Amino acid sequence: MEKLEKKLNKIGTLVGSASNNQGDVSEEYFANSLKSYLRLGDIDFDFIVQNFTAVEVKYKAHVNDLNKLPKKIQELKALPQYKDYEAYVRIAIFYAKKELIQKVKEQSFFIVQRKGDVVISYIDNLQVA
């Protein structure tokens, strides 16, 4: 039984790490994309704050994730440095089912989904092999 418990704990750690890695990849992708343009549709942004808990970034979002967004906006607006800023309820995701996209539209939120056209190259000191 002890051996089984250790195996299950190890599996839990591996699954948790994989999930965190997907979240980290998603957050970096959207932060890099938004920092490059500082614009979504007709909305211009002054700055992007990466790893801010009031922004919901998901690798794969579900309809129940939408329920968290209004509270996150309230938390953001409660911070003195952001009280005079406009805030938009949004979710950034890598993958979304049509049901989620429809709910986002119904609730007047907006969704940012990857398209795959953002690439960053680091080529300083490039060596030819």
C-alpha atoms as a PDB file:
ATOM      1  CA  MET A   1       0.000   0.000   0.000  1.00  0.00           C
ATOM      2  CA  GLU A   2       2.862   2.366   0.815  1.00  0.00           C
ATOM      3  CA  LYS A   3       4.455   1.674  -2.571  1.00  0.00           C
ATOM      4  CA  LEU A   4       1.168   2.416  -4.336  1.00  0.00           C
ATOM      5  CA  GLU A   5       0.773   5.679  -2.403  1.00  0.00           C
ATOM      6  CA  LYS A   6       4.274   6.809  -3.424  1.00  0.00           C
ATOM      7  CA  LYS A   7       3.517   6.010  -7.076  1.00  0.00           C
ATOM      8  CA  LEU A   8       0.231   7.928  -6.953  1.00  0.00           C
ATOM      9  CA  ASN A   9       1.962  10.935  -5.359  1.00  0.00           C
ATOM     10  CA  LYS A  10       4.613  10.861  -8.093  1.00  0.00           C
ATOM     11  CA  ILE A  11       1.934  10.713 -10.800  1.00  0.00           C
ATOM     12  CA  GLY A  12       0.101  13.617  -9.153  1.00  0.00           C
ATOM     13  CA  THR A  13       3.295  15.680  -9.140  1.00  0.00           C
ATOM     14  CA  LEU A  14       3.953  14.910 -12.822  1.00  0.00           C
ATOM     15  CA  VAL A  15       0.395  15.814 -13.859  1.00  0.00           C
ATOM     16  CA  GLY A  16       0.531  19.032 -11.841  1.00  0.00           C
ATOM     17  CA  SER A  17       3.851  19.979 -13.420  1.00  0.00           C
ATOM     18  CA  ALA A  18       2.526  19.357 -16.930  1.00  0.00           C
ATOM     19  CA  SER A  19      -0.517  21.522 -16.229  1.00  0.00           C
ATOM     20  CA  ASN A  20       1.640  24.328 -14.797  1.00  0.00           C
ATOM     21  CA  ASN A  21       3.949  24.129 -17.824  1.00  0.00           C
ATOM     22  CA  GLN A  22       0.991  24.531 -20.202  1.00  0.00           C
ATOM     23  CA  GLY A  23      -0.199  27.535 -18.206  1.00  0.00           C
ATOM     24  CA  ASP A  24       3.275  29.089 -18.258  1.00  0.00           C
ATOM     25  CA  VAL A  25       3.511  28.622 -22.040  1.00  0.00           C
ATOM     26  CA  SER A  26       0.084  30.207 -22.525  1.00  0.00           C
ATOM     27  CA  GLU A  27       0.874  33.205 -20.309  1.00  0.00           C
ATOM     28  CA  GLU A  28       4.191  33.863 -22.045  1.00  0.00           C
ATOM     29  CA  TYR A  29       2.629  33.579 -25.497  1.00  0.00           C
ATOM     30  CA  PHE A  30      -0.116  36.093 -24.764  1.00  0.00           C
ATOM     31  CA  ALA A  31       2.145  38.473 -22.841  1.00  0.00           C
ATOM     32  CA  ASN A  32       4.629  38.548 -25.736  1.00  0.00           C
ATOM     33  CA  SER A  33       1.846  38.985 -28.279  1.00  0.00           C
ATOM     34  CA  LEU A  34       0.120  41.795 -26.412  1.00  0.00           C
ATOM     35  CA  LYS A  35       3.347  43.609 -25.550  1.00  0.00           C
ATOM     36  CA  SER A  36       4.231  43.654 -29.243  1.00  0.00           C
ATOM     37  CA  TYR A  37       1.012  45.377 -30.299  1.00  0.00           C
ATOM     38  CA  LEU A  38      -0.634  46.900 -27.180  1.00  0.00           C
ATOM     39  CA  ARG A  39      -3.881  46.772 -29.134  1.00  0.00           C
ATOM     40  CA  LEU A  40      -6.837  44.387 -29.364  1.00  0.00           C
ATOM     41  CA  GLY A  41      -9.489  45.285 -31.896  1.00  0.00           C
ATOM     42  CA  ASP A  42     -10.283  48.958 -31.292  1.00  0.00           C
ATOM     43  CA  ILE A  43      -8.819  48.977 -27.778  1.00  0.00           C
ATOM     44  CA  ASP A  44      -5.357  50.434 -27.119  1.00  0.00           C
ATOM     45  CA  PHE A  45      -3.508  49.500 -23.936  1.00  0.00           C
ATOM     46  CA  ASP A  46      -1.000  51.600 -22.023  1.00  0.00           C
ATOM     47  CA  PHE A  47       0.883  48.569 -20.730  1.00  0.00           C
ATOM     48  CA  ILE A  48       0.611  44.838 -20.110  1.00  0.00           C
ATOM     49  CA  VAL A  49       1.258  43.378 -16.656  1.00  0.00           C
ATOM     50  CA  GLN A  50       2.498  39.800 -16.963  1.00  0.00           C
ATOM     51  CA  ASN A  51       1.678  37.209 -14.276  1.00  0.00           C
ATOM     52  CA  PHE A  52      -1.029  39.405 -12.776  1.00  0.00           C
ATOM     53  CA  THR A  53      -3.663  37.336 -11.013  1.00  0.00           C
ATOM     54  CA  ALA A  54      -6.557  39.483 -12.249  1.00  0.00           C
ATOM     55  CA  VAL A  55      -6.045  38.236 -15.813  1.00  0.00           C
ATOM     56  CA  GLU A  56      -7.277  34.760 -16.600  1.00  0.00           C
ATOM     57  CA  VAL A  57      -4.974  32.926 -19.013  1.00  0.00           C
ATOM     58  CA  LYS A  58      -5.717  29.300 -19.814  1.00  0.00           C
ATOM     59  CA  TYR A  59      -4.296  26.663 -22.097  1.00  0.00           C
ATOM     60  CA  LYS A  60      -7.803  25.232 -22.431  1.00  0.00           C
ATOM     61  CA  ALA A  61     -10.684  27.118 -20.845  1.00  0.00           C
ATOM     62  CA  HIS A  62     -14.073  25.835 -19.789  1.00  0.00           C
ATOM     63  CA  VAL A  63     -17.407  27.619 -19.425  1.00  0.00           C
ATOM     64  CA  ASN A  64     -17.166  27.563 -15.614  1.00  0.00           C
ATOM     65  CA  ASP A  65     -13.897  29.560 -15.851  1.00  0.00           C
ATOM     66  CA  LEU A  66     -15.985  32.536 -16.998  1.00  0.00           C
ATOM     67  CA  ASN A  67     -17.576  32.808 -13.553  1.00  0.00           C
ATOM     68  CA  LYS A  68     -14.200  33.827 -12.084  1.00  0.00           C
ATOM     69  CA  LEU A  69     -13.664  36.824 -14.357  1.00  0.00           C
ATOM     70  CA  PRO A  70     -15.939  39.488 -12.804  1.00  0.00           C
ATOM     71  CA  LYS A  71     -14.392  38.883  -9.368  1.00  0.00           C
ATOM     72  CA  LYS A  72     -10.903  39.235 -10.822  1.00  0.00           C
ATOM     73  CA  ILE A  73     -11.843  42.586 -12.343  1.00  0.00           C
ATOM     74  CA  GLN A  74     -13.217  43.752  -8.968  1.00  0.00           C
ATOM     75  CA  GLU A  75      -9.912  42.742  -7.328  1.00  0.00           C
ATOM     76  CA  LEU A  76      -8.004  44.721  -9.950  1.00  0.00           C
ATOM     77  CA  LYS A  77     -10.168  47.830  -9.547  1.00  0.00           C
ATOM     78  CA  ALA A  78      -9.740  47.625  -5.746  1.00  0.00           C
ATOM     79  CA  LEU A  79      -6.007  48.288  -6.121  1.00  0.00           C
ATOM     80  CA  PRO A  80      -5.315  52.025  -5.770  1.00  0.00           C
ATOM     81  CA  GLN A  81      -2.923  52.177  -8.734  1.00  0.00           C
ATOM     82  CA  TYR A  82      -5.629  50.829 -11.098  1.00  0.00           C
ATOM     83  CA  LYS A  83      -8.760  52.538  -9.731  1.00  0.00           C
ATOM     84  CA  ASP A  84      -8.862  55.137 -12.538  1.00  0.00           C
ATOM     85  CA  TYR A  85      -8.268  52.674 -15.386  1.00  0.00           C
ATOM     86  CA  GLU A  86     -10.958  51.096 -17.521  1.00  0.00           C
ATOM     87  CA  ALA A  87     -11.027  47.332 -17.150  1.00  0.00           C
ATOM     88  CA  TYR A  88     -12.331  44.770 -19.598  1.00  0.00           C
ATOM     89  CA  VAL A  89     -13.419  41.248 -18.771  1.00  0.00           C
ATOM     90  CA  ARG A  90     -11.332  38.989 -20.949  1.00  0.00           C
ATOM     91  CA  ILE A  91      -9.908  35.525 -21.171  1.00  0.00           C
ATOM     92  CA  ALA A  92      -6.840  34.479 -23.138  1.00  0.00           C
ATOM     93  CA  ILE A  93      -6.754  30.853 -24.250  1.00  0.00           C
ATOM     94  CA  PHE A  94      -4.936  28.497 -26.564  1.00  0.00           C
ATOM     95  CA  TYR A  95      -7.966  26.303 -27.224  1.00  0.00           C
ATOM     96  CA  ALA A  96     -11.697  26.984 -26.912  1.00  0.00           C
ATOM     97  CA  LYS A  97     -14.773  24.959 -27.744  1.00  0.00           C
ATOM     98  CA  LYS A  98     -17.518  26.776 -29.645  1.00  0.00           C
ATOM     99  CA  GLU A  99     -19.727  26.631 -26.515  1.00  0.00           C
ATOM    100  CA  LEU A 100     -17.197  28.729 -24.592  1.00  0.00           C
ATOM    101  CA  ILE A 101     -16.835  31.295 -27.366  1.00  0.00           C
ATOM    102  CA  GLN A 102     -20.636  31.647 -27.531  1.00  0.00           C
ATOM    103  CA  LYS A 103     -20.874  32.185 -23.742  1.00  0.00           C
ATOM    104  CA  VAL A 104     -18.121  34.809 -23.902  1.00  0.00           C
ATOM    105  CA  LYS A 105     -20.077  36.714 -26.541  1.00  0.00           C
ATOM    106  CA  GLU A 106     -23.345  36.410 -24.582  1.00  0.00           C
ATOM    107  CA  GLN A 107     -21.735  37.842 -21.442  1.00  0.00           C
ATOM    108  CA  SER A 108     -20.057  40.747 -23.285  1.00  0.00           C
ATOM    109  CA  PHE A 109     -16.602  39.514 -22.343  1.00  0.00           C
ATOM    110  CA  PHE A 110     -13.887  39.270 -24.899  1.00  0.00           C
ATOM    111  CA  ILE A 111     -11.678  36.398 -25.748  1.00  0.00           C
ATOM    112  CA  VAL A 112      -8.131  36.337 -27.062  1.00  0.00           C
ATOM    113  CA  GLN A 113      -7.170  33.139 -28.817  1.00  0.00           C
ATOM    114  CA  ARG A 114      -3.848  32.222 -30.346  1.00  0.00           C
ATOM    115  CA  LYS A 115      -3.395  32.393 -34.046  1.00  0.00           C
ATOM    116  CA  GLY A 116       0.247  31.457 -34.257  1.00  0.00           C
ATOM    117  CA  ASP A 117       1.721  34.485 -36.002  1.00  0.00           C
ATOM    118  CA  VAL A 118       3.991  35.698 -33.196  1.00  0.00           C
ATOM    119  CA  VAL A 119       7.594  34.577 -33.304  1.00  0.00           C
ATOM    120  CA  ILE A 120      10.551  35.969 -31.386  1.00  0.00           C
ATOM    121  CA  SER A 121      14.080  35.235 -32.579  1.00  0.00           C
ATOM    122  CA  TYR A 122      17.179  35.488 -30.433  1.00  0.00           C
ATOM    123  CA  ILE A 123      20.090  35.441 -32.878  1.00  0.00           C
ATOM    124  CA  ASP A 124      22.861  37.375 -31.131  1.00  0.00           C
ATOM    125  CA  ASN A 125      26.236  35.696 -31.628  1.00  0.00           C
ATOM    126  CA  LEU A 126      24.783  33.326 -34.202  1.00  0.00           C
ATOM    127  CA  GLN A 127      27.236  30.651 -35.253  1.00  0.00           C
ATOM    128  CA  VAL A 128      27.058  28.638 -38.439  1.00  0.00           C
ATOM    129  CA  ALA A 129      27.566  24.908 -37.929  1.00  0.00           C
END
